[in-house]
Amino acid sequence: MKFIMDFKADWHDTLIEIMSNDWGMETKGLTTDIPVHYFNAAQRRISSRPRTLLISDTFHCPAEHQAGWELIQQKVKDGLDLIPHLSKLIEKTKKTDLMLNDWGVYHLHLGTRIENGFVERAGPLLFARITDEYFYAIDVYDHSSWTNGGIVETVHRNWPESVARWVMHGVKGSTLTDEERAALRKVHTNTFFLTKDETTYGPIGGGTVASGHNLFSVIQMDVEHDRLECLERRLVEITDEIMPALKKAGYTDATEVIAKLVLTDEFYAALFPDYRLLVNFYPRGV
């Protein structure tokens, strides 16, 4: 008996379904590097979970946008959805965020009224680093501040332990102007950041590949593709173990059996559609 399977294609279909059905993204023209687009989109989103709010020593919100800032603060503490405060381009599958890739910094709009799923665009933007546990409020900036070196200086001064893993030891970066950094980002070139106290950071956001996508997106795709190839081999190895279940489900002597990858919360599973049989065969997270 031979299994007819393509776990990579099955996984890609699952990612397309998440992007389309769960995230409301247009995926019709997406045919290549689907995992890269998925991980890129996932990175740009903010999960809904309670976070500890930390505010920088130089933070200042203009009075006319105080209501929007207070709304975001409450949402951060309560773990409510922050997606409406992000760029509307988050719905565009192939869009990237160069500041996020470079410095790991999100920008959020300070509006309070929802219009078509997003808060109204209210001018200045809140810049913040966001992890699973913390919301680091850096400051409020205008729309020309994407490469403002003060952003990283503020993070370094206030929360150096949060970015310590990106400190480059034994090398020293060079000082770049905001304009030079913008030009390099435009052509997807990664750079070091040299602070005023001469600490050198690599790309805190993970870095960018030639396509403009985050480096982690490509790495995650490669890791998962390798895993899926191993899982296909594993399924073949345990053929004798699952044969009783297949026979009980109606298998007799077919020379080929179709197997589809299914992701459950805890397991990688194989679905045999011709026999309506689902077999958990490898734990996830291993």
Protein backbone atom coordinates (compact mmCIF):
# COMPACT_ATOMS: atom_id res chain seq x y z
CA MET A 1 0.00 0.00 0.00
CA LYS A 2 1.21 3.50 -0.86
CA PHE A 3 0.08 6.72 0.80
CA ILE A 4 -0.77 9.55 -1.61
CA MET A 5 -0.02 12.70 0.36
CA ASP A 6 1.34 16.24 0.15
CA PHE A 7 1.43 17.62 3.67
CA LYS A 8 3.01 20.89 2.55
CA ALA A 9 0.12 21.61 0.21
CA ASP A 10 -2.37 20.67 2.94
CA TRP A 11 -0.66 23.03 5.36
CA HIS A 12 -0.67 25.83 2.81
CA ASP A 13 -4.42 25.32 2.35
CA THR A 14 -4.88 25.62 6.11
CA LEU A 15 -2.92 28.88 6.21
CA ILE A 16 -4.96 30.29 3.33
CA GLU A 17 -8.13 29.41 5.21
CA ILE A 18 -6.93 31.21 8.35
CA MET A 19 -5.89 34.32 6.44
CA SER A 20 -9.13 34.41 4.47
CA ASN A 21 -11.77 33.29 6.98
CA ASP A 22 -10.28 34.35 10.30
CA TRP A 23 -8.35 37.46 9.31
CA GLY A 24 -10.50 38.69 6.42
CA MET A 25 -7.57 38.95 4.00
CA GLU A 26 -7.77 38.71 0.22
CA THR A 27 -5.87 35.55 -0.75
CA LYS A 28 -7.21 34.81 -4.23
CA GLY A 29 -3.96 35.63 -6.05
CA LEU A 30 -1.70 34.01 -3.47
CA THR A 31 0.00 30.98 -5.01
CA THR A 32 3.67 30.97 -3.96
CA ASP A 33 5.50 31.30 -0.63
CA ILE A 34 2.18 31.09 1.18
CA PRO A 35 3.75 30.43 4.62
CA VAL A 36 5.95 33.52 4.25
CA HIS A 37 2.88 35.66 3.62
CA TYR A 38 1.07 33.97 6.52
CA PHE A 39 3.87 34.51 9.05
CA ASN A 40 4.40 38.04 7.75
CA ALA A 41 0.69 38.76 8.31
CA ALA A 42 0.73 37.09 11.74
CA GLN A 43 3.70 39.20 12.82
CA ARG A 44 1.88 42.41 11.87
CA ARG A 45 -1.16 41.49 13.95
CA ILE A 46 -1.47 41.85 17.74
CA SER A 47 -3.00 39.01 19.72
CA SER A 48 -5.75 39.86 22.20
CA ARG A 49 -4.39 39.19 25.68
CA PRO A 50 -3.88 41.26 28.85
CA ARG A 51 -0.47 42.93 28.97
CA THR A 52 1.50 44.97 31.45
CA LEU A 53 1.65 48.56 30.23
CA LEU A 54 5.04 50.30 30.49
CA ILE A 55 5.42 53.96 29.51
CA SER A 56 8.72 55.62 28.56
CA ASP A 57 10.26 58.48 30.49
CA THR A 58 9.69 60.92 27.61
CA PHE A 59 6.19 59.83 26.60
CA HIS A 60 3.82 62.67 25.76
CA CYS A 61 0.41 62.44 24.13
CA PRO A 62 -1.13 65.64 22.71
CA ALA A 63 -4.21 66.66 24.68
CA GLU A 64 -6.48 66.38 21.66
CA HIS A 65 -5.63 62.66 21.38
CA GLN A 66 -5.77 61.83 25.06
CA ALA A 67 -9.09 59.98 24.70
CA GLY A 68 -7.58 57.69 22.07
CA TRP A 69 -4.54 57.03 24.25
CA GLU A 70 -6.77 56.23 27.25
CA LEU A 71 -8.78 53.82 25.10
CA ILE A 72 -5.65 51.97 24.03
CA GLN A 73 -4.40 51.82 27.63
CA GLN A 74 -7.64 50.19 28.75
CA LYS A 75 -7.59 47.71 25.89
CA VAL A 76 -3.99 46.76 26.69
CA LYS A 77 -4.80 46.09 30.34
CA ASP A 78 -8.04 44.23 29.59
CA GLY A 79 -6.63 42.20 26.71
CA LEU A 80 -9.11 43.60 24.18
CA ASP A 81 -8.65 43.68 20.40
CA LEU A 82 -6.08 46.24 19.20
CA ILE A 83 -6.39 45.33 15.51
CA PRO A 84 -8.77 48.28 14.81
CA HIS A 85 -5.95 50.64 15.81
CA LEU A 86 -3.48 49.21 13.28
CA SER A 87 -2.95 50.21 9.66
CA LYS A 88 -5.74 49.30 7.26
CA LEU A 89 -3.00 47.75 5.12
CA ILE A 90 -2.99 44.85 7.57
CA GLU A 91 -5.72 43.36 5.39
CA LYS A 92 -3.40 43.37 2.36
CA THR A 93 -1.72 39.98 2.15
CA LYS A 94 1.46 41.10 0.41
CA LYS A 95 2.10 44.30 2.37
CA THR A 96 5.03 44.48 4.78
CA ASP A 97 5.93 46.79 7.66
CA LEU A 98 9.55 47.90 7.31
CA MET A 99 9.78 49.60 10.72
CA LEU A 100 8.38 46.50 12.40
CA ASN A 101 10.86 44.30 10.54
CA ASP A 102 13.77 46.55 11.47
CA TRP A 103 13.02 47.67 15.03
CA GLY A 104 10.10 45.52 16.17
CA VAL A 105 7.99 48.64 16.65
CA TYR A 106 4.25 48.81 15.89
CA HIS A 107 2.31 51.95 15.09
CA LEU A 108 -1.24 52.42 16.36
CA HIS A 109 -3.84 55.03 15.52
CA LEU A 110 -5.29 57.08 18.38
CA GLY A 111 -8.85 57.42 17.11
CA THR A 112 -11.85 56.41 19.20
CA ARG A 113 -14.63 55.95 16.65
CA ILE A 114 -14.82 52.73 14.61
CA GLU A 115 -15.25 53.15 10.84
CA ASN A 116 -15.42 49.98 8.71
CA GLY A 117 -13.61 47.92 11.31
CA PHE A 118 -10.88 50.46 12.14
CA VAL A 119 -10.70 53.54 14.33
CA GLU A 120 -10.72 56.79 12.41
CA ARG A 121 -7.33 58.03 11.30
CA ALA A 122 -6.52 60.76 13.81
CA GLY A 123 -3.14 62.15 12.74
CA PRO A 124 -0.33 61.31 15.17
CA LEU A 125 0.59 57.67 15.82
CA LEU A 126 1.46 55.77 18.96
CA PHE A 127 4.71 53.80 18.53
CA ALA A 128 5.11 50.74 20.76
CA ARG A 129 7.01 47.48 21.15
CA ILE A 130 4.61 44.68 22.00
CA THR A 131 5.37 41.22 23.34
CA ASP A 132 3.10 38.54 24.79
CA GLU A 133 3.54 40.03 28.27
CA TYR A 134 4.31 43.71 27.82
CA PHE A 135 3.18 46.80 25.92
CA TYR A 136 6.09 49.24 25.78
CA ALA A 137 4.62 52.68 24.96
CA ILE A 138 7.50 54.60 23.37
CA ASP A 139 5.91 57.92 22.35
CA VAL A 140 3.52 59.63 19.95
CA TYR A 141 5.00 60.52 16.57
CA ASP A 142 3.95 62.04 13.26
CA HIS A 143 3.81 60.18 9.94
CA SER A 144 7.36 61.13 8.98
CA SER A 145 9.04 59.45 11.95
CA TRP A 146 9.45 55.88 10.70
CA THR A 147 13.25 56.05 10.91
CA ASN A 148 13.57 58.47 13.83
CA GLY A 149 16.60 57.22 15.78
CA GLY A 150 15.05 58.47 19.01
CA ILE A 151 12.69 55.48 18.90
CA VAL A 152 15.45 52.95 19.51
CA GLU A 153 17.26 55.29 21.89
CA THR A 154 14.09 55.45 24.01
CA VAL A 155 13.70 51.67 24.08
CA HIS A 156 17.39 51.23 24.93
CA ARG A 157 17.25 53.83 27.71
CA ASN A 158 14.03 52.59 29.33
CA TRP A 159 13.97 48.85 28.79
CA PRO A 160 17.43 47.60 27.75
CA GLU A 161 16.73 44.14 29.18
CA SER A 162 13.84 43.71 26.73
CA VAL A 163 16.15 44.05 23.71
CA ALA A 164 19.36 42.65 25.19
CA ARG A 165 19.25 39.60 22.91
CA TRP A 166 19.86 41.85 19.89
CA VAL A 167 23.00 43.54 21.26
CA MET A 168 25.93 42.85 18.94
CA HIS A 169 29.08 42.04 20.89
CA GLY A 170 32.50 42.54 19.33
CA VAL A 171 31.23 44.71 16.47
CA LYS A 172 30.35 48.38 16.25
CA GLY A 173 27.70 49.84 14.02
CA SER A 174 27.95 53.18 12.30
CA THR A 175 25.80 56.23 12.90
CA LEU A 176 23.16 56.71 10.19
CA THR A 177 20.93 59.68 9.56
CA ASP A 178 17.19 59.12 9.42
CA GLU A 179 17.33 59.75 5.67
CA GLU A 180 20.10 57.19 5.14
CA ARG A 181 18.21 54.60 7.15
CA ALA A 182 15.03 55.26 5.15
CA ALA A 183 16.91 54.79 1.87
CA LEU A 184 18.41 51.50 3.06
CA ARG A 185 15.05 50.21 4.30
CA LYS A 186 13.50 51.03 0.96
CA VAL A 187 15.83 48.55 -0.76
CA HIS A 188 15.41 46.02 2.07
CA THR A 189 18.92 46.35 3.45
CA ASN A 190 19.48 45.38 7.09
CA THR A 191 21.55 47.72 9.27
CA PHE A 192 22.97 47.89 12.78
CA PHE A 193 21.90 50.65 15.16
CA LEU A 194 24.53 52.47 17.22
CA THR A 195 23.13 54.19 20.32
CA LYS A 196 24.53 57.33 21.90
CA ASP A 197 26.32 55.24 24.54
CA GLU A 198 27.82 53.14 21.69
CA THR A 199 25.74 49.99 22.17
CA THR A 200 25.26 48.25 18.84
CA TYR A 201 22.00 46.47 18.03
CA GLY A 202 21.20 44.15 15.18
CA PRO A 203 17.70 44.36 13.66
CA ILE A 204 15.49 44.22 16.78
CA GLY A 205 12.52 43.27 14.62
CA GLY A 206 14.31 40.28 13.13
CA GLY A 207 15.47 41.79 9.86
CA THR A 208 14.25 41.85 6.28
CA VAL A 209 14.89 39.56 3.30
CA ALA A 210 15.11 40.78 -0.30
CA SER A 211 11.34 40.45 -0.82
CA GLY A 212 10.68 42.84 2.06
CA HIS A 213 9.31 40.12 4.34
CA ASN A 214 10.54 39.52 7.86
CA LEU A 215 13.47 37.10 8.08
CA PHE A 216 11.63 35.05 10.70
CA SER A 217 8.83 34.40 8.19
CA VAL A 218 11.24 32.64 5.85
CA ILE A 219 12.95 30.73 8.66
CA GLN A 220 9.62 29.55 10.08
CA MET A 221 8.50 28.37 6.65
CA ASP A 222 11.69 26.35 6.14
CA VAL A 223 11.48 24.81 9.62
CA GLU A 224 7.88 23.74 9.15
CA HIS A 225 8.50 22.38 5.65
CA ASP A 226 11.29 20.20 7.03
CA ARG A 227 8.98 19.01 9.80
CA LEU A 228 6.24 18.10 7.34
CA GLU A 229 8.66 16.07 5.21
CA CYS A 230 9.62 14.18 8.37
CA LEU A 231 5.96 13.65 9.21
CA GLU A 232 5.29 12.10 5.81
CA ARG A 233 8.12 9.66 6.41
CA ARG A 234 6.82 8.99 9.90
CA LEU A 235 3.38 8.10 8.62
CA VAL A 236 4.90 5.53 6.28
CA GLU A 237 6.95 4.10 9.15
CA ILE A 238 3.84 3.44 11.28
CA THR A 239 1.75 1.92 8.50
CA ASP A 240 1.50 -1.40 10.37
CA GLU A 241 0.33 0.38 13.51
CA ILE A 242 -2.56 2.19 11.82
CA MET A 243 -3.54 -0.66 9.52
CA PRO A 244 -6.03 -2.18 12.02
CA ALA A 245 -7.88 1.14 12.22
CA LEU A 246 -7.88 1.43 8.42
CA LYS A 247 -9.25 -2.08 8.01
CA LYS A 248 -11.92 -1.45 10.61
CA ALA A 249 -12.89 1.67 8.62
CA GLY A 250 -13.26 -0.36 5.42
CA TYR A 251 -9.82 -0.71 3.86
CA THR A 252 -9.29 -4.02 2.02
CA ASP A 253 -6.57 -4.21 -0.60
CA ALA A 254 -6.33 -0.79 -2.28
CA THR A 255 -2.80 -0.14 -3.58
CA GLU A 256 -3.06 3.60 -2.91
CA VAL A 257 -4.58 5.43 0.05
CA ILE A 258 -5.04 9.21 0.18
CA ALA A 259 -3.81 10.87 3.37
CA LYS A 260 -4.41 14.53 4.24
CA LEU A 261 -2.71 16.56 6.96
CA VAL A 262 -4.97 17.92 9.69
CA LEU A 263 -3.76 20.16 12.52
CA THR A 264 -5.51 19.65 15.84
CA ASP A 265 -4.74 21.63 19.00
CA GLU A 266 -2.37 18.93 20.28
CA PHE A 267 -1.50 16.67 17.35
CA TYR A 268 -0.55 16.42 13.72
CA ALA A 269 -3.23 14.11 12.36
CA ALA A 270 -3.71 12.17 9.16
CA LEU A 271 -7.15 12.16 7.59
CA PHE A 272 -8.01 9.27 5.29
CA PRO A 273 -11.01 10.80 3.49
CA ASP A 274 -12.03 7.65 1.62
CA TYR A 275 -12.47 5.90 4.96
CA ARG A 276 -13.61 8.83 7.12
CA LEU A 277 -10.77 8.06 9.48
CA LEU A 278 -8.68 10.57 11.44
CA VAL A 279 -5.50 9.34 13.14
CA ASN A 280 -3.43 11.46 15.55
CA PHE A 281 0.12 10.33 14.89
CA TYR A 282 2.53 12.99 16.18
CA PRO A 283 2.25 15.56 19.01
CA ARG A 284 2.55 19.23 18.12
CA GLY A 285 5.15 21.35 19.84
CA VAL A 286 7.73 18.54 19.88
